[in-house]
Structures are given as structure tokens and as C-alpha cells.
Amino acid sequence: MSRAKGCIISRVMNQGDHADREALQTLLNSNTPHINVARTLTDAGVPMSEHTIRRHRKADCSCGWL
């Protein structure tokens, strides 16, 4: 079984259209707390945990070693 490369956030960004990518990037770059970002994404149909957002923002996810 092979795993997809990149963290879940990078995979979501690669699947969205340009406007979605910009909106997600803006949200990730904001001072919005991790939990609120996760809730926003989950409410939009992209289940995400606070932990995933934190790891990505700290560059402690698989994006850092691609």
C-alpha cells in the first residue's frame, strides 16, 4: 500500500481551484487559532484536526521533507 506524498493540507490545496487555494492560504497565514481553522475546514466539508493545522503551520508535517 502506498501513501500519498505531502500532508493533507498540501493535498487539499492541490485539489482546489485557484480561489480555494488562495482562501486556504490566507486562512493558514492568518492569526486564526488552529482549532478555528480546523472547524472552518471541517464545516466546509474537509475534515481536519487542530493537530494537523498546527503541524502544517510549524512546518512539522510531510511538506517539510518532500
N, C-alpha and C. Protein backbone atom coordinates (compact mmCIF):
# COMPACT_ATOMS: atom_id res chain seq x y z
N MET A 1 0.84 -1.17 0.00
CA MET A 1 0.00 0.00 0.00
C MET A 1 0.89 1.24 0.00
N SER A 2 0.63 2.17 -0.91
CA SER A 2 1.44 3.38 -0.95
C SER A 2 0.65 4.55 -0.37
N ARG A 3 1.38 5.45 0.22
CA ARG A 3 0.75 6.63 0.81
C ARG A 3 0.98 7.81 -0.12
N ALA A 4 0.02 8.70 -0.17
CA ALA A 4 0.16 9.90 -0.98
C ALA A 4 1.24 10.79 -0.38
N LYS A 5 1.97 11.47 -1.24
CA LYS A 5 3.02 12.38 -0.79
C LYS A 5 2.40 13.69 -0.33
N GLY A 6 3.01 14.28 0.66
CA GLY A 6 2.55 15.56 1.16
C GLY A 6 1.54 15.39 2.28
N CYS A 7 1.44 16.41 3.08
CA CYS A 7 0.47 16.37 4.17
C CYS A 7 -0.93 16.60 3.60
N ILE A 8 -1.92 16.38 4.42
CA ILE A 8 -3.31 16.51 3.97
C ILE A 8 -3.60 17.92 3.48
N ILE A 9 -3.00 18.92 4.10
CA ILE A 9 -3.26 20.29 3.67
C ILE A 9 -2.72 20.53 2.27
N SER A 10 -1.52 20.05 1.98
CA SER A 10 -0.98 20.24 0.64
C SER A 10 -1.81 19.47 -0.39
N ARG A 11 -2.33 18.30 -0.01
CA ARG A 11 -3.18 17.55 -0.94
C ARG A 11 -4.49 18.27 -1.19
N VAL A 12 -5.06 18.88 -0.16
CA VAL A 12 -6.30 19.65 -0.32
C VAL A 12 -6.02 20.86 -1.22
N MET A 13 -4.91 21.53 -1.01
CA MET A 13 -4.58 22.70 -1.83
C MET A 13 -4.39 22.31 -3.30
N ASN A 14 -3.82 21.16 -3.55
CA ASN A 14 -3.60 20.72 -4.92
C ASN A 14 -4.89 20.32 -5.62
N GLN A 15 -5.94 20.02 -4.87
CA GLN A 15 -7.21 19.61 -5.45
C GLN A 15 -8.15 20.77 -5.70
N GLY A 16 -7.96 21.88 -5.02
CA GLY A 16 -8.87 23.00 -5.13
C GLY A 16 -8.59 23.88 -6.33
N ASP A 17 -9.55 24.73 -6.66
CA ASP A 17 -9.30 25.70 -7.73
C ASP A 17 -8.49 26.87 -7.16
N HIS A 18 -8.14 27.80 -8.01
CA HIS A 18 -7.26 28.90 -7.61
C HIS A 18 -7.85 29.70 -6.44
N ALA A 19 -9.13 30.02 -6.51
CA ALA A 19 -9.78 30.80 -5.45
C ALA A 19 -9.77 30.04 -4.13
N ASP A 20 -10.01 28.72 -4.18
CA ASP A 20 -9.98 27.91 -2.96
C ASP A 20 -8.59 27.87 -2.36
N ARG A 21 -7.58 27.72 -3.20
CA ARG A 21 -6.18 27.69 -2.72
C ARG A 21 -5.82 29.01 -2.06
N GLU A 22 -6.20 30.12 -2.69
CA GLU A 22 -5.89 31.43 -2.10
C GLU A 22 -6.60 31.62 -0.76
N ALA A 23 -7.86 31.21 -0.69
CA ALA A 23 -8.62 31.34 0.55
C ALA A 23 -8.00 30.49 1.66
N LEU A 24 -7.60 29.27 1.33
CA LEU A 24 -6.98 28.40 2.32
C LEU A 24 -5.64 28.96 2.76
N GLN A 25 -4.85 29.45 1.82
CA GLN A 25 -3.54 30.01 2.16
C GLN A 25 -3.71 31.24 3.06
N THR A 26 -4.68 32.08 2.75
CA THR A 26 -4.95 33.26 3.57
C THR A 26 -5.34 32.85 4.98
N LEU A 27 -6.21 31.85 5.08
CA LEU A 27 -6.65 31.36 6.38
C LEU A 27 -5.48 30.78 7.17
N LEU A 28 -4.64 30.00 6.52
CA LEU A 28 -3.49 29.40 7.20
C LEU A 28 -2.47 30.45 7.65
N ASN A 29 -2.33 31.51 6.87
CA ASN A 29 -1.36 32.56 7.20
C ASN A 29 -1.90 33.58 8.20
N SER A 30 -3.17 33.48 8.52
CA SER A 30 -3.77 34.42 9.46
C SER A 30 -3.42 34.05 10.90
N ASN A 31 -3.84 34.88 11.81
CA ASN A 31 -3.64 34.61 13.24
C ASN A 31 -4.80 33.83 13.83
N THR A 32 -5.64 33.28 12.97
CA THR A 32 -6.78 32.50 13.42
C THR A 32 -6.28 31.27 14.19
N PRO A 33 -6.80 31.01 15.37
CA PRO A 33 -6.36 29.83 16.14
C PRO A 33 -6.54 28.53 15.35
N HIS A 34 -5.65 27.59 15.59
CA HIS A 34 -5.65 26.31 14.90
C HIS A 34 -7.03 25.65 14.93
N ILE A 35 -7.66 25.66 16.10
CA ILE A 35 -8.95 24.99 16.24
C ILE A 35 -10.01 25.64 15.35
N ASN A 36 -9.97 26.97 15.23
CA ASN A 36 -10.94 27.66 14.39
C ASN A 36 -10.71 27.37 12.91
N VAL A 37 -9.46 27.26 12.50
CA VAL A 37 -9.15 26.90 11.12
C VAL A 37 -9.67 25.49 10.85
N ALA A 38 -9.40 24.58 11.77
CA ALA A 38 -9.87 23.20 11.61
C ALA A 38 -11.38 23.13 11.52
N ARG A 39 -12.06 23.88 12.35
CA ARG A 39 -13.53 23.89 12.33
C ARG A 39 -14.06 24.47 11.02
N THR A 40 -13.43 25.53 10.54
CA THR A 40 -13.84 26.15 9.28
C THR A 40 -13.72 25.16 8.14
N LEU A 41 -12.60 24.47 8.08
CA LEU A 41 -12.39 23.48 7.01
C LEU A 41 -13.36 22.31 7.15
N THR A 42 -13.56 21.84 8.36
CA THR A 42 -14.49 20.73 8.59
C THR A 42 -15.90 21.13 8.19
N ASP A 43 -16.31 22.34 8.56
CA ASP A 43 -17.63 22.83 8.18
C ASP A 43 -17.79 22.95 6.67
N ALA A 44 -16.67 23.18 5.97
CA ALA A 44 -16.69 23.30 4.51
C ALA A 44 -16.61 21.94 3.82
N GLY A 45 -16.61 20.86 4.62
CA GLY A 45 -16.59 19.52 4.04
C GLY A 45 -15.21 18.90 3.91
N VAL A 46 -14.22 19.52 4.55
CA VAL A 46 -12.85 18.99 4.52
C VAL A 46 -12.45 18.71 5.96
N PRO A 47 -12.76 17.52 6.47
CA PRO A 47 -12.45 17.21 7.87
C PRO A 47 -10.96 17.39 8.18
N MET A 48 -10.69 18.14 9.22
CA MET A 48 -9.31 18.48 9.56
C MET A 48 -9.23 18.63 11.07
N SER A 49 -8.13 18.20 11.64
CA SER A 49 -7.95 18.34 13.09
C SER A 49 -7.08 19.55 13.40
N GLU A 50 -7.23 20.04 14.61
CA GLU A 50 -6.39 21.14 15.09
C GLU A 50 -4.91 20.75 15.03
N HIS A 51 -4.64 19.51 15.35
CA HIS A 51 -3.26 18.99 15.34
C HIS A 51 -2.66 19.09 13.94
N THR A 52 -3.43 18.75 12.92
CA THR A 52 -2.95 18.82 11.54
C THR A 52 -2.60 20.25 11.16
N ILE A 53 -3.45 21.19 11.53
CA ILE A 53 -3.21 22.60 11.23
C ILE A 53 -1.94 23.07 11.93
N ARG A 54 -1.81 22.72 13.19
CA ARG A 54 -0.62 23.13 13.97
C ARG A 54 0.66 22.60 13.35
N ARG A 55 0.66 21.32 13.01
CA ARG A 55 1.86 20.72 12.40
C ARG A 55 2.21 21.42 11.10
N HIS A 56 1.21 21.69 10.26
CA HIS A 56 1.49 22.33 8.97
C HIS A 56 2.02 23.75 9.18
N ARG A 57 1.40 24.49 10.07
CA ARG A 57 1.85 25.87 10.32
C ARG A 57 3.26 25.92 10.88
N LYS A 58 3.66 24.91 11.62
CA LYS A 58 5.00 24.87 12.18
C LYS A 58 6.01 24.19 11.24
N ALA A 59 5.54 23.82 10.04
CA ALA A 59 6.36 23.11 9.05
C ALA A 59 6.90 21.80 9.63
N ASP A 60 6.07 21.16 10.45
CA ASP A 60 6.44 19.90 11.07
C ASP A 60 5.64 18.75 10.44
N CYS A 61 5.19 18.96 9.21
CA CYS A 61 4.41 17.94 8.50
C CYS A 61 5.27 17.39 7.35
N SER A 62 4.70 16.51 6.57
CA SER A 62 5.46 15.89 5.49
C SER A 62 5.81 16.86 4.38
N CYS A 63 5.18 18.03 4.32
CA CYS A 63 5.56 19.04 3.33
C CYS A 63 7.02 19.45 3.53
N GLY A 64 7.47 19.41 4.77
CA GLY A 64 8.83 19.82 5.09
C GLY A 64 9.90 18.88 4.58
N TRP A 65 9.52 17.65 4.24
CA TRP A 65 10.54 16.74 3.76
C TRP A 65 10.22 16.13 2.41
N LEU A 66 9.46 16.85 1.62
CA LEU A 66 9.21 16.41 0.24
C LEU A 66 10.34 16.82 -0.65
